[in-house]
Amino acid sequence: MMMSRLCALTLAVGALAAGSALALQQPAKKAYILVQVEVTNAQQYGEYTKLSPAIIEKFGGHFLARGGRVATLEGPPARSRVVVIEFPSFERAKQFYDSPEYVAARKVRAGAADAQFVLVEGQ
C-alpha cells in the first residue's frame, strides 16, 4: 500500500514537472505595434524613417505594413499613414520602444507628425 502511494506520488510529481517543462518550451506570443500617423512635416519625418528600420530590426521586429493603402471599415477615419510592426514578443517590443536608440529617433520625429502607437500581444 505504501509502495503504491509512493509510485502514485512520483508519477504525479513527474507529470507536473513535464507540464512545467512544456510550458517553458512554448514560444512567446508575438506582439504588434500598430501606428497611425498624420505627417505634418514630410522632410523631417523622412529623417525619422531613415533611423527607425535598423532599430526595429535590432529588437527582432519587422514591418508587416508601412504606409500602404488604407480603408477605414468602421469608426473614425484612420490617419493618412498606418504602420504595423511585428516583434517576437511583447517584452521585445517594449524594449524597442523604450531603447535609447528609439528614444533618440522619436525626438527626430517630434514636430513632424502626430502619431498614436498601440502595443498588442498576438496569438
PDB file of N, CA and C in Angstrom:
ATOM      1  N   MET A   1       0.829  -1.192   0.000  1.00  0.00           N
ATOM      2  CA  MET A   1       0.000   0.000   0.000  1.00  0.00           C
ATOM      3  C   MET A   1       0.871   1.252   0.000  1.00  0.00           C
ATOM      4  N   MET A   2       1.869   1.285   0.879  1.00  0.00           N
ATOM      5  CA  MET A   2       2.764   2.431   0.954  1.00  0.00           C
ATOM      6  C   MET A   2       3.535   2.588  -0.352  1.00  0.00           C
ATOM      7  N   MET A   3       3.923   1.446  -0.926  1.00  0.00           N
ATOM      8  CA  MET A   3       4.677   1.492  -2.169  1.00  0.00           C
ATOM      9  C   MET A   3       3.839   2.055  -3.309  1.00  0.00           C
ATOM     10  N   SER A   4       2.543   1.698  -3.402  1.00  0.00           N
ATOM     11  CA  SER A   4       1.709   2.214  -4.485  1.00  0.00           C
ATOM     12  C   SER A   4       1.442   3.703  -4.304  1.00  0.00           C
ATOM     13  N   ARG A   5       1.333   4.181  -3.069  1.00  0.00           N
ATOM     14  CA  ARG A   5       1.166   5.623  -2.848  1.00  0.00           C
ATOM     15  C   ARG A   5       2.421   6.372  -3.270  1.00  0.00           C
ATOM     16  N   LEU A   6       3.584   5.791  -2.954  1.00  0.00           N
ATOM     17  CA  LEU A   6       4.848   6.399  -3.335  1.00  0.00           C
ATOM     18  C   LEU A   6       4.973   6.459  -4.855  1.00  0.00           C
ATOM     19  N   CYS A   7       4.575   5.392  -5.543  1.00  0.00           N
ATOM     20  CA  CYS A   7       4.607   5.373  -7.012  1.00  0.00           C
ATOM     21  C   CYS A   7       3.653   6.410  -7.589  1.00  0.00           C
ATOM     22  N   ALA A   8       2.459   6.512  -7.012  1.00  0.00           N
ATOM     23  CA  ALA A   8       1.484   7.491  -7.494  1.00  0.00           C
ATOM     24  C   ALA A   8       2.001   8.911  -7.300  1.00  0.00           C
ATOM     25  N   LEU A   9       2.617   9.153  -6.144  1.00  0.00           N
ATOM     26  CA  LEU A   9       3.177  10.474  -5.862  1.00  0.00           C
ATOM     27  C   LEU A   9       4.318  10.785  -6.824  1.00  0.00           C
ATOM     28  N   THR A  10       5.161   9.825  -7.083  1.00  0.00           N
ATOM     29  CA  THR A  10       6.274  10.002  -8.014  1.00  0.00           C
ATOM     30  C   THR A  10       5.754  10.318  -9.408  1.00  0.00           C
ATOM     31  N   LEU A  11       4.710   9.601  -9.835  1.00  0.00           N
ATOM     32  CA  LEU A  11       4.121   9.861 -11.150  1.00  0.00           C
ATOM     33  C   LEU A  11       3.504  11.255 -11.224  1.00  0.00           C
ATOM     34  N   ALA A  12       2.830  11.668 -10.152  1.00  0.00           N
ATOM     35  CA  ALA A  12       2.200  12.992 -10.125  1.00  0.00           C
ATOM     36  C   ALA A  12       3.247  14.095 -10.205  1.00  0.00           C
ATOM     37  N   VAL A  13       4.325  13.955  -9.444  1.00  0.00           N
ATOM     38  CA  VAL A  13       5.408  14.949  -9.466  1.00  0.00           C
ATOM     39  C   VAL A  13       6.045  14.975 -10.861  1.00  0.00           C
ATOM     40  N   GLY A  14       6.243  13.809 -11.440  1.00  0.00           N
ATOM     41  CA  GLY A  14       6.805  13.747 -12.793  1.00  0.00           C
ATOM     42  C   GLY A  14       5.918  14.426 -13.819  1.00  0.00           C
ATOM     43  N   ALA A  15       4.623  14.223 -13.700  1.00  0.00           N
ATOM     44  CA  ALA A  15       3.683  14.851 -14.630  1.00  0.00           C
ATOM     45  C   ALA A  15       3.699  16.371 -14.482  1.00  0.00           C
ATOM     46  N   LEU A  16       3.753  16.849 -13.245  1.00  0.00           N
ATOM     47  CA  LEU A  16       3.828  18.299 -13.018  1.00  0.00           C
ATOM     48  C   LEU A  16       5.109  18.877 -13.601  1.00  0.00           C
ATOM     49  N   ALA A  17       6.205  18.183 -13.393  1.00  0.00           N
ATOM     50  CA  ALA A  17       7.486  18.649 -13.919  1.00  0.00           C
ATOM     51  C   ALA A  17       7.465  18.664 -15.445  1.00  0.00           C
ATOM     52  N   ALA A  18       6.880  17.648 -16.048  1.00  0.00           N
ATOM     53  CA  ALA A  18       6.786  17.599 -17.510  1.00  0.00           C
ATOM     54  C   ALA A  18       5.916  18.739 -18.027  1.00  0.00           C
ATOM     55  N   GLY A  19       4.830  19.015 -17.329  1.00  0.00           N
ATOM     56  CA  GLY A  19       3.961  20.126 -17.721  1.00  0.00           C
ATOM     57  C   GLY A  19       4.686  21.450 -17.630  1.00  0.00           C
ATOM     58  N   SER A  20       5.482  21.628 -16.583  1.00  0.00           N
ATOM     59  CA  SER A  20       6.260  22.855 -16.429  1.00  0.00           C
ATOM     60  C   SER A  20       7.290  22.983 -17.543  1.00  0.00           C
ATOM     61  N   ALA A  21       7.924  21.869 -17.883  1.00  0.00           N
ATOM     62  CA  ALA A  21       8.912  21.892 -18.955  1.00  0.00           C
ATOM     63  C   ALA A  21       8.256  22.258 -20.278  1.00  0.00           C
ATOM     64  N   LEU A  22       7.066  21.722 -20.528  1.00  0.00           N
ATOM     65  CA  LEU A  22       6.351  22.067 -21.757  1.00  0.00           C
ATOM     66  C   LEU A  22       5.974  23.538 -21.779  1.00  0.00           C
ATOM     67  N   ALA A  23       5.542  24.053 -20.647  1.00  0.00           N
ATOM     68  CA  ALA A  23       5.167  25.461 -20.570  1.00  0.00           C
ATOM     69  C   ALA A  23       6.378  26.341 -20.854  1.00  0.00           C
ATOM     70  N   LEU A  24       7.540  25.919 -20.377  1.00  0.00           N
ATOM     71  CA  LEU A  24       8.755  26.693 -20.623  1.00  0.00           C
ATOM     72  C   LEU A  24       9.165  26.641 -22.093  1.00  0.00           C
ATOM     73  N   GLN A  25       8.798  25.580 -22.789  1.00  0.00           N
ATOM     74  CA  GLN A  25       9.179  25.422 -24.185  1.00  0.00           C
ATOM     75  C   GLN A  25       8.230  26.130 -25.140  1.00  0.00           C
ATOM     76  N   GLN A  26       7.082  26.600 -24.664  1.00  0.00           N
ATOM     77  CA  GLN A  26       6.132  27.280 -25.532  1.00  0.00           C
ATOM     78  C   GLN A  26       6.751  28.571 -26.041  1.00  0.00           C
ATOM     79  N   PRO A  27       6.680  28.818 -27.339  1.00  0.00           N
ATOM     80  CA  PRO A  27       7.249  30.064 -27.849  1.00  0.00           C
ATOM     81  C   PRO A  27       6.450  31.263 -27.322  1.00  0.00           C
ATOM     82  N   ALA A  28       7.136  32.366 -27.142  1.00  0.00           N
ATOM     83  CA  ALA A  28       6.466  33.589 -26.683  1.00  0.00           C
ATOM     84  C   ALA A  28       5.449  34.022 -27.740  1.00  0.00           C
ATOM     85  N   LYS A  29       4.372  34.631 -27.274  1.00  0.00           N
ATOM     86  CA  LYS A  29       3.391  35.158 -28.216  1.00  0.00           C
ATOM     87  C   LYS A  29       3.994  36.368 -28.914  1.00  0.00           C
ATOM     88  N   LYS A  30       3.743  36.481 -30.195  1.00  0.00           N
ATOM     89  CA  LYS A  30       4.225  37.637 -30.939  1.00  0.00           C
ATOM     90  C   LYS A  30       3.476  38.879 -30.485  1.00  0.00           C
ATOM     91  N   ALA A  31       4.054  40.020 -30.765  1.00  0.00           N
ATOM     92  CA  ALA A  31       3.423  41.293 -30.403  1.00  0.00           C
ATOM     93  C   ALA A  31       3.490  42.216 -31.616  1.00  0.00           C
ATOM     94  N   TYR A  32       2.561  43.153 -31.629  1.00  0.00           N
ATOM     95  CA  TYR A  32       2.442  44.061 -32.764  1.00  0.00           C
ATOM     96  C   TYR A  32       2.321  45.494 -32.267  1.00  0.00           C
ATOM     97  N   ILE A  33       3.066  46.382 -32.895  1.00  0.00           N
ATOM     98  CA  ILE A  33       2.870  47.805 -32.659  1.00  0.00           C
ATOM     99  C   ILE A  33       2.071  48.325 -33.839  1.00  0.00           C
ATOM    100  N   LEU A  34       0.909  48.896 -33.515  1.00  0.00           N
ATOM    101  CA  LEU A  34       0.023  49.475 -34.520  1.00  0.00           C
ATOM    102  C   LEU A  34       0.176  50.983 -34.428  1.00  0.00           C
ATOM    103  N   VAL A  35       0.474  51.615 -35.538  1.00  0.00           N
ATOM    104  CA  VAL A  35       0.760  53.046 -35.542  1.00  0.00           C
ATOM    105  C   VAL A  35      -0.151  53.738 -36.544  1.00  0.00           C
ATOM    106  N   GLN A  36      -0.749  54.834 -36.104  1.00  0.00           N
ATOM    107  CA  GLN A  36      -1.483  55.715 -37.012  1.00  0.00           C
ATOM    108  C   GLN A  36      -0.778  57.063 -36.966  1.00  0.00           C
ATOM    109  N   VAL A  37      -0.427  57.579 -38.130  1.00  0.00           N
ATOM    110  CA  VAL A  37       0.393  58.786 -38.207  1.00  0.00           C
ATOM    111  C   VAL A  37      -0.224  59.788 -39.177  1.00  0.00           C
ATOM    112  N   GLU A  38      -0.223  61.029 -38.753  1.00  0.00           N
ATOM    113  CA  GLU A  38      -0.564  62.146 -39.635  1.00  0.00           C
ATOM    114  C   GLU A  38       0.721  62.961 -39.774  1.00  0.00           C
ATOM    115  N   VAL A  39       1.367  62.852 -40.921  1.00  0.00           N
ATOM    116  CA  VAL A  39       2.638  63.546 -41.162  1.00  0.00           C
ATOM    117  C   VAL A  39       2.360  65.025 -41.404  1.00  0.00           C
ATOM    118  N   THR A  40       3.073  65.879 -40.670  1.00  0.00           N
ATOM    119  CA  THR A  40       2.899  67.325 -40.813  1.00  0.00           C
ATOM    120  C   THR A  40       4.123  67.997 -41.414  1.00  0.00           C
ATOM    121  N   ASN A  41       5.262  67.301 -41.401  1.00  0.00           N
ATOM    122  CA  ASN A  41       6.489  67.824 -41.996  1.00  0.00           C
ATOM    123  C   ASN A  41       7.194  66.650 -42.667  1.00  0.00           C
ATOM    124  N   ALA A  42       6.965  66.486 -43.958  1.00  0.00           N
ATOM    125  CA  ALA A  42       7.456  65.305 -44.690  1.00  0.00           C
ATOM    126  C   ALA A  42       8.973  65.194 -44.671  1.00  0.00           C
ATOM    127  N   GLN A  43       9.674  66.292 -44.794  1.00  0.00           N
ATOM    128  CA  GLN A  43      11.137  66.247 -44.827  1.00  0.00           C
ATOM    129  C   GLN A  43      11.690  65.752 -43.486  1.00  0.00           C
ATOM    130  N   GLN A  44      11.211  66.320 -42.403  1.00  0.00           N
ATOM    131  CA  GLN A  44      11.667  65.908 -41.074  1.00  0.00           C
ATOM    132  C   GLN A  44      11.244  64.466 -40.780  1.00  0.00           C
ATOM    133  N   TYR A  45      10.031  64.096 -41.163  1.00  0.00           N
ATOM    134  CA  TYR A  45       9.567  62.730 -40.949  1.00  0.00           C
ATOM    135  C   TYR A  45      10.420  61.745 -41.748  1.00  0.00           C
ATOM    136  N   GLY A  46      10.850  62.159 -42.915  1.00  0.00           N
ATOM    137  CA  GLY A  46      11.731  61.319 -43.735  1.00  0.00           C
ATOM    138  C   GLY A  46      13.028  60.984 -43.019  1.00  0.00           C
ATOM    139  N   GLU A  47      13.554  61.928 -42.243  1.00  0.00           N
ATOM    140  CA  GLU A  47      14.762  61.670 -41.458  1.00  0.00           C
ATOM    141  C   GLU A  47      14.500  60.592 -40.405  1.00  0.00           C
ATOM    142  N   TYR A  48      13.340  60.657 -39.787  1.00  0.00           N
ATOM    143  CA  TYR A  48      12.948  59.647 -38.799  1.00  0.00           C
ATOM    144  C   TYR A  48      12.836  58.268 -39.461  1.00  0.00           C
ATOM    145  N   THR A  49      12.240  58.204 -40.646  1.00  0.00           N
ATOM    146  CA  THR A  49      12.048  56.905 -41.311  1.00  0.00           C
ATOM    147  C   THR A  49      13.374  56.288 -41.765  1.00  0.00           C
ATOM    148  N   LYS A  50      14.422  57.076 -41.829  1.00  0.00           N
ATOM    149  CA  LYS A  50      15.748  56.522 -42.126  1.00  0.00           C
ATOM    150  C   LYS A  50      16.339  55.837 -40.894  1.00  0.00           C
ATOM    151  N   LEU A  51      15.950  56.305 -39.714  1.00  0.00           N
ATOM    152  CA  LEU A  51      16.512  55.776 -38.465  1.00  0.00           C
ATOM    153  C   LEU A  51      15.790  54.538 -37.942  1.00  0.00           C
ATOM    154  N   SER A  52      14.467  54.534 -38.030  1.00  0.00           N
ATOM    155  CA  SER A  52      13.682  53.519 -37.330  1.00  0.00           C
ATOM    156  C   SER A  52      13.859  52.079 -37.817  1.00  0.00           C
ATOM    157  N   PRO A  53      14.006  51.785 -39.115  1.00  0.00           N
ATOM    158  CA  PRO A  53      14.087  50.369 -39.509  1.00  0.00           C
ATOM    159  C   PRO A  53      15.226  49.586 -38.845  1.00  0.00           C
ATOM    160  N   ALA A  54      16.407  50.161 -38.767  1.00  0.00           N
ATOM    161  CA  ALA A  54      17.538  49.439 -38.160  1.00  0.00           C
ATOM    162  C   ALA A  54      17.299  49.195 -36.671  1.00  0.00           C
ATOM    163  N   ILE A  55      16.665  50.148 -35.999  1.00  0.00           N
ATOM    164  CA  ILE A  55      16.390  49.978 -34.568  1.00  0.00           C
ATOM    165  C   ILE A  55      15.347  48.879 -34.375  1.00  0.00           C
ATOM    166  N   ILE A  56      14.325  48.881 -35.204  1.00  0.00           N
ATOM    167  CA  ILE A  56      13.289  47.843 -35.146  1.00  0.00           C
ATOM    168  C   ILE A  56      13.916  46.466 -35.348  1.00  0.00           C
ATOM    169  N   GLU A  57      14.774  46.340 -36.354  1.00  0.00           N
ATOM    170  CA  GLU A  57      15.429  45.057 -36.647  1.00  0.00           C
ATOM    171  C   GLU A  57      16.304  44.596 -35.480  1.00  0.00           C
ATOM    172  N   LYS A  58      16.965  45.537 -34.814  1.00  0.00           N
ATOM    173  CA  LYS A  58      17.834  45.203 -33.676  1.00  0.00           C
ATOM    174  C   LYS A  58      17.058  44.453 -32.588  1.00  0.00           C
ATOM    175  N   PHE A  59      15.769  44.735 -32.463  1.00  0.00           N
ATOM    176  CA  PHE A  59      14.941  44.100 -31.438  1.00  0.00           C
ATOM    177  C   PHE A  59      14.091  42.962 -32.009  1.00  0.00           C
ATOM    178  N   GLY A  60      14.454  42.486 -33.193  1.00  0.00           N
ATOM    179  CA  GLY A  60      13.769  41.340 -33.787  1.00  0.00           C
ATOM    180  C   GLY A  60      12.473  41.690 -34.486  1.00  0.00           C
ATOM    181  N   GLY A  61      12.217  42.963 -34.694  1.00  0.00           N
ATOM    182  CA  GLY A  61      10.976  43.388 -35.331  1.00  0.00           C
ATOM    183  C   GLY A  61      11.109  43.526 -36.835  1.00  0.00           C
ATOM    184  N   HIS A  62       9.954  43.518 -37.490  1.00  0.00           N
ATOM    185  CA  HIS A  62       9.920  43.792 -38.925  1.00  0.00           C
ATOM    186  C   HIS A  62       8.553  44.361 -39.300  1.00  0.00           C
ATOM    187  N   PHE A  63       8.549  45.137 -40.357  1.00  0.00           N
ATOM    188  CA  PHE A  63       7.319  45.774 -40.819  1.00  0.00           C
ATOM    189  C   PHE A  63       6.420  44.751 -41.509  1.00  0.00           C
ATOM    190  N   LEU A  64       5.142  44.767 -41.159  1.00  0.00           N
ATOM    191  CA  LEU A  64       4.132  43.998 -41.890  1.00  0.00           C
ATOM    192  C   LEU A  64       3.392  44.905 -42.856  1.00  0.00           C
ATOM    193  N   ALA A  65       3.224  46.150 -42.461  1.00  0.00           N
ATOM    194  CA  ALA A  65       2.596  47.165 -43.317  1.00  0.00           C
ATOM    195  C   ALA A  65       3.256  48.488 -42.973  1.00  0.00           C
ATOM    196  N   ARG A  66       3.517  49.279 -44.013  1.00  0.00           N
ATOM    197  CA  ARG A  66       4.214  50.543 -43.772  1.00  0.00           C
ATOM    198  C   ARG A  66       3.772  51.571 -44.808  1.00  0.00           C
ATOM    199  N   GLY A  67       2.713  52.283 -44.461  1.00  0.00           N
ATOM    200  CA  GLY A  67       2.287  53.374 -45.324  1.00  0.00           C
ATOM    201  C   GLY A  67       1.566  52.951 -46.597  1.00  0.00           C
ATOM    202  N   GLY A  68       1.043  51.742 -46.632  1.00  0.00           N
ATOM    203  CA  GLY A  68       0.307  51.286 -47.809  1.00  0.00           C
ATOM    204  C   GLY A  68      -1.114  51.841 -47.841  1.00  0.00           C
ATOM    205  N   ARG A  69      -1.875  51.359 -48.772  1.00  0.00           N
ATOM    206  CA  ARG A  69      -3.266  51.794 -48.939  1.00  0.00           C
ATOM    207  C   ARG A  69      -4.081  51.475 -47.690  1.00  0.00           C
ATOM    208  N   VAL A  70      -4.946  52.417 -47.283  1.00  0.00           N
ATOM    209  CA  VAL A  70      -5.737  52.285 -46.063  1.00  0.00           C
ATOM    210  C   VAL A  70      -7.208  52.534 -46.375  1.00  0.00           C
ATOM    211  N   ALA A  71      -8.081  51.737 -45.783  1.00  0.00           N
ATOM    212  CA  ALA A  71      -9.526  51.959 -45.872  1.00  0.00           C
ATOM    213  C   ALA A  71     -10.108  51.768 -44.477  1.00  0.00           C
ATOM    214  N   THR A  72     -10.781  52.772 -43.963  1.00  0.00           N
ATOM    215  CA  THR A  72     -11.436  52.657 -42.669  1.00  0.00           C
ATOM    216  C   THR A  72     -12.742  51.894 -42.874  1.00  0.00           C
ATOM    217  N   LEU A  73     -12.901  50.804 -42.165  1.00  0.00           N
ATOM    218  CA  LEU A  73     -14.094  49.973 -42.314  1.00  0.00           C
ATOM    219  C   LEU A  73     -15.168  50.327 -41.294  1.00  0.00           C
ATOM    220  N   GLU A  74     -14.751  50.892 -40.167  1.00  0.00           N
ATOM    221  CA  GLU A  74     -15.703  51.251 -39.116  1.00  0.00           C
ATOM    222  C   GLU A  74     -15.032  52.253 -38.187  1.00  0.00           C
ATOM    223  N   GLY A  75     -15.791  53.162 -37.649  1.00  0.00           N
ATOM    224  CA  GLY A  75     -15.261  54.132 -36.692  1.00  0.00           C
ATOM    225  C   GLY A  75     -14.681  55.360 -37.362  1.00  0.00           C
ATOM    226  N   PRO A  76     -13.996  56.188 -36.574  1.00  0.00           N
ATOM    227  CA  PRO A  76     -13.417  57.417 -37.123  1.00  0.00           C
ATOM    228  C   PRO A  76     -12.392  57.089 -38.207  1.00  0.00           C
ATOM    229  N   PRO A  77     -12.247  57.951 -39.183  1.00  0.00           N
ATOM    230  CA  PRO A  77     -11.291  57.683 -40.263  1.00  0.00           C
ATOM    231  C   PRO A  77      -9.869  57.473 -39.743  1.00  0.00           C
ATOM    232  N   ALA A  78      -9.177  56.515 -40.332  1.00  0.00           N
ATOM    233  CA  ALA A  78      -7.774  56.278 -39.990  1.00  0.00           C
ATOM    234  C   ALA A  78      -6.953  57.461 -40.466  1.00  0.00           C
ATOM    235  N   ARG A  79      -5.868  57.700 -39.780  1.00  0.00           N
ATOM    236  CA  ARG A  79      -4.959  58.758 -40.211  1.00  0.00           C
ATOM    237  C   ARG A  79      -4.342  58.356 -41.542  1.00  0.00           C
ATOM    238  N   SER A  80      -3.647  59.290 -42.157  1.00  0.00           N
ATOM    239  CA  SER A  80      -3.166  59.061 -43.520  1.00  0.00           C
ATOM    240  C   SER A  80      -2.134  57.944 -43.637  1.00  0.00           C
ATOM    241  N   ARG A  81      -1.383  57.684 -42.603  1.00  0.00           N
ATOM    242  CA  ARG A  81      -0.330  56.657 -42.667  1.00  0.00           C
ATOM    243  C   ARG A  81      -0.559  55.651 -41.542  1.00  0.00           C
ATOM    244  N   VAL A  82      -0.594  54.377 -41.893  1.00  0.00           N
ATOM    245  CA  VAL A  82      -0.771  53.306 -40.913  1.00  0.00           C
ATOM    246  C   VAL A  82       0.415  52.350 -41.046  1.00  0.00           C
ATOM    247  N   VAL A  83       0.981  51.980 -39.893  1.00  0.00           N
ATOM    248  CA  VAL A  83       2.146  51.097 -39.868  1.00  0.00           C
ATOM    249  C   VAL A  83       1.854  49.957 -38.894  1.00  0.00           C
ATOM    250  N   VAL A  84       2.244  48.731 -39.269  1.00  0.00           N
ATOM    251  CA  VAL A  84       2.125  47.567 -38.397  1.00  0.00           C
ATOM    252  C   VAL A  84       3.498  46.918 -38.331  1.00  0.00           C
ATOM    253  N   ILE A  85       3.998  46.760 -37.096  1.00  0.00           N
ATOM    254  CA  ILE A  85       5.322  46.183 -36.881  1.00  0.00           C
ATOM    255  C   ILE A  85       5.166  44.948 -36.001  1.00  0.00           C
ATOM    256  N   GLU A  86       5.750  43.835 -36.419  1.00  0.00           N
ATOM    257  CA  GLU A  86       5.697  42.591 -35.646  1.00  0.00           C
ATOM    258  C   GLU A  86       6.993  42.398 -34.874  1.00  0.00           C
ATOM    259  N   PHE A  87       6.867  41.970 -33.620  1.00  0.00           N
ATOM    260  CA  PHE A  87       8.015  41.659 -32.775  1.00  0.00           C
ATOM    261  C   PHE A  87       7.869  40.238 -32.254  1.00  0.00           C
ATOM    262  N   PRO A  88       8.973  39.601 -31.875  1.00  0.00           N
ATOM    263  CA  PRO A  88       8.895  38.224 -31.369  1.00  0.00           C
ATOM    264  C   PRO A  88       8.132  38.088 -30.050  1.00  0.00           C
ATOM    265  N   SER A  89       8.024  39.170 -29.280  1.00  0.00           N
ATOM    266  CA  SER A  89       7.299  39.114 -28.002  1.00  0.00           C
ATOM    267  C   SER A  89       6.908  40.526 -27.575  1.00  0.00           C
ATOM    268  N   PHE A  90       5.988  40.595 -26.639  1.00  0.00           N
ATOM    269  CA  PHE A  90       5.549  41.868 -26.057  1.00  0.00           C
ATOM    270  C   PHE A  90       6.739  42.577 -25.408  1.00  0.00           C
ATOM    271  N   GLU A  91       7.556  41.787 -24.699  1.00  0.00           N
ATOM    272  CA  GLU A  91       8.706  42.348 -23.998  1.00  0.00           C
ATOM    273  C   GLU A  91       9.713  42.963 -24.967  1.00  0.00           C
ATOM    274  N   ARG A  92       9.972  42.284 -26.080  1.00  0.00           N
ATOM    275  CA  ARG A  92      10.930  42.824 -27.069  1.00  0.00           C
ATOM    276  C   ARG A  92      10.392  44.115 -27.688  1.00  0.00           C
ATOM    277  N   ALA A  93       9.092  44.177 -27.925  1.00  0.00           N
ATOM    278  CA  ALA A  93       8.501  45.404 -28.478  1.00  0.00           C
ATOM    279  C   ALA A  93       8.661  46.560 -27.493  1.00  0.00           C
ATOM    280  N   LYS A  94       8.428  46.298 -26.208  1.00  0.00           N
ATOM    281  CA  LYS A  94       8.612  47.339 -25.187  1.00  0.00           C
ATOM    282  C   LYS A  94      10.076  47.757 -25.097  1.00  0.00           C
ATOM    283  N   GLN A  95      10.976  46.783 -25.169  1.00  0.00           N
ATOM    284  CA  GLN A  95      12.406  47.101 -25.136  1.00  0.00           C
ATOM    285  C   GLN A  95      12.784  47.997 -26.310  1.00  0.00           C
ATOM    286  N   PHE A  96      12.239  47.696 -27.486  1.00  0.00           N
ATOM    287  CA  PHE A  96      12.469  48.550 -28.653  1.00  0.00           C
ATOM    288  C   PHE A  96      11.992  49.967 -28.376  1.00  0.00           C
ATOM    289  N   TYR A  97      10.740  50.109 -27.955  1.00  0.00           N
ATOM    290  CA  TYR A  97      10.139  51.431 -27.800  1.00  0.00           C
ATOM    291  C   TYR A  97      10.866  52.258 -26.739  1.00  0.00           C
ATOM    292  N   ASP A  98      11.334  51.611 -25.689  1.00  0.00           N
ATOM    293  CA  ASP A  98      11.999  52.301 -24.590  1.00  0.00           C
ATOM    294  C   ASP A  98      13.509  52.411 -24.753  1.00  0.00           C
ATOM    295  N   SER A  99      14.060  51.843 -25.829  1.00  0.00           N
ATOM    296  CA  SER A  99      15.515  51.838 -26.012  1.00  0.00           C
ATOM    297  C   SER A  99      16.050  53.255 -26.233  1.00  0.00           C
ATOM    298  N   PRO A 100      17.278  53.510 -25.803  1.00  0.00           N
ATOM    299  CA  PRO A 100      17.886  54.831 -26.034  1.00  0.00           C
ATOM    300  C   PRO A 100      17.919  55.213 -27.518  1.00  0.00           C
ATOM    301  N   GLU A 101      18.138  54.212 -28.378  1.00  0.00           N
ATOM    302  CA  GLU A 101      18.188  54.487 -29.819  1.00  0.00           C
ATOM    303  C   GLU A 101      16.843  54.989 -30.336  1.00  0.00           C
ATOM    304  N   TYR A 102      15.760  54.330 -29.890  1.00  0.00           N
ATOM    305  CA  TYR A 102      14.455  54.734 -30.394  1.00  0.00           C
ATOM    306  C   TYR A 102      13.966  56.014 -29.723  1.00  0.00           C
ATOM    307  N   VAL A 103      14.339  56.228 -28.479  1.00  0.00           N
ATOM    308  CA  VAL A 103      14.008  57.499 -27.822  1.00  0.00           C
ATOM    309  C   VAL A 103      14.625  58.641 -28.628  1.00  0.00           C
ATOM    310  N   ALA A 104      15.861  58.469 -29.086  1.00  0.00           N
ATOM    311  CA  ALA A 104      16.518  59.488 -29.911  1.00  0.00           C
ATOM    312  C   ALA A 104      15.791  59.658 -31.245  1.00  0.00           C
ATOM    313  N   ALA A 105      15.357  58.554 -31.860  1.00  0.00           N
ATOM    314  CA  ALA A 105      14.621  58.631 -33.135  1.00  0.00           C
ATOM    315  C   ALA A 105      13.291  59.350 -32.947  1.00  0.00           C
ATOM    316  N   ARG A 106      12.628  59.099 -31.819  1.00  0.00           N
ATOM    317  CA  ARG A 106      11.354  59.790 -31.545  1.00  0.00           C
ATOM    318  C   ARG A 106      11.558  61.293 -31.446  1.00  0.00           C
ATOM    319  N   LYS A 107      12.690  61.705 -30.917  1.00  0.00           N
ATOM    320  CA  LYS A 107      12.987  63.141 -30.843  1.00  0.00           C
ATOM    321  C   LYS A 107      13.114  63.733 -32.242  1.00  0.00           C
ATOM    322  N   VAL A 108      13.651  62.970 -33.180  1.00  0.00           N
ATOM    323  CA  VAL A 108      13.742  63.425 -34.579  1.00  0.00           C
ATOM    324  C   VAL A 108      12.337  63.561 -35.166  1.00  0.00           C
ATOM    325  N   ARG A 109      11.440  62.651 -34.805  1.00  0.00           N
ATOM    326  CA  ARG A 109      10.063  62.669 -35.316  1.00  0.00           C
ATOM    327  C   ARG A 109       9.230  63.789 -34.689  1.00  0.00           C
ATOM    328  N   ALA A 110       9.587  64.223 -33.480  1.00  0.00           N
ATOM    329  CA  ALA A 110       8.806  65.226 -32.752  1.00  0.00           C
ATOM    330  C   ALA A 110       8.608  66.479 -33.601  1.00  0.00           C
ATOM    331  N   GLY A 111       7.365  66.892 -33.717  1.00  0.00           N
ATOM    332  CA  GLY A 111       7.027  68.072 -34.505  1.00  0.00           C
ATOM    333  C   GLY A 111       6.829  67.789 -35.978  1.00  0.00           C
ATOM    334  N   ALA A 112       7.131  66.568 -36.410  1.00  0.00           N
ATOM    335  CA  ALA A 112       6.982  66.215 -37.822  1.00  0.00           C
ATOM    336  C   ALA A 112       5.731  65.395 -38.079  1.00  0.00           C
ATOM    337  N   ALA A 113       5.088  64.914 -37.011  1.00  0.00           N
ATOM    338  CA  ALA A 113       3.913  64.058 -37.176  1.00  0.00           C
ATOM    339  C   ALA A 113       3.156  63.946 -35.863  1.00  0.00           C
ATOM    340  N   ASP A 114       1.856  63.746 -35.983  1.00  0.00           N
ATOM    341  CA  ASP A 114       1.019  63.374 -34.845  1.00  0.00           C
ATOM    342  C   ASP A 114       0.802  61.873 -34.978  1.00  0.00           C
ATOM    343  N   ALA A 115       1.110  61.133 -33.923  1.00  0.00           N
ATOM    344  CA  ALA A 115       1.052  59.678 -34.042  1.00  0.00           C
ATOM    345  C   ALA A 115       0.444  59.038 -32.804  1.00  0.00           C
ATOM    346  N   GLN A 116      -0.141  57.875 -33.027  1.00  0.00           N
ATOM    347  CA  GLN A 116      -0.630  57.016 -31.941  1.00  0.00           C
ATOM    348  C   GLN A 116       0.050  55.669 -32.110  1.00  0.00           C
ATOM    349  N   PHE A 117       0.680  55.173 -31.049  1.00  0.00           N
ATOM    350  CA  PHE A 117       1.326  53.869 -31.047  1.00  0.00           C
ATOM    351  C   PHE A 117       0.586  52.978 -30.063  1.00  0.00           C
ATOM    352  N   VAL A 118       0.167  51.802 -30.501  1.00  0.00           N
ATOM    353  CA  VAL A 118      -0.529  50.852 -29.636  1.00  0.00           C
ATOM    354  C   VAL A 118       0.222  49.525 -29.718  1.00  0.00           C
ATOM    355  N   LEU A 119       0.551  48.962 -28.557  1.00  0.00           N
ATOM    356  CA  LEU A 119       1.222  47.660 -28.490  1.00  0.00           C
ATOM    357  C   LEU A 119       0.193  46.621 -28.086  1.00  0.00           C
ATOM    358  N   VAL A 120       0.106  45.552 -28.879  1.00  0.00           N
ATOM    359  CA  VAL A 120      -0.861  44.496 -28.602  1.00  0.00           C
ATOM    360  C   VAL A 120      -0.174  43.136 -28.742  1.00  0.00           C
ATOM    361  N   GLU A 121      -0.495  42.237 -27.800  1.00  0.00           N
ATOM    362  CA  GLU A 121       0.040  40.881 -27.855  1.00  0.00           C
ATOM    363  C   GLU A 121      -0.832  40.032 -28.754  1.00  0.00           C
ATOM    364  N   GLY A 122      -0.201  39.226 -29.601  1.00  0.00           N
ATOM    365  CA  GLY A 122      -0.937  38.382 -30.530  1.00  0.00           C
ATOM    366  C   GLY A 122      -1.060  36.952 -30.022  1.00  0.00           C
ATOM    367  N   GLN A 123      -1.361  36.053 -30.920  1.00  0.00           N
ATOM    368  CA  GLN A 123      -1.541  34.634 -30.596  1.00  0.00           C
ATOM    369  C   GLN A 123      -0.250  33.871 -30.724  1.00  0.00           C
TER     370      GLN A 123
END
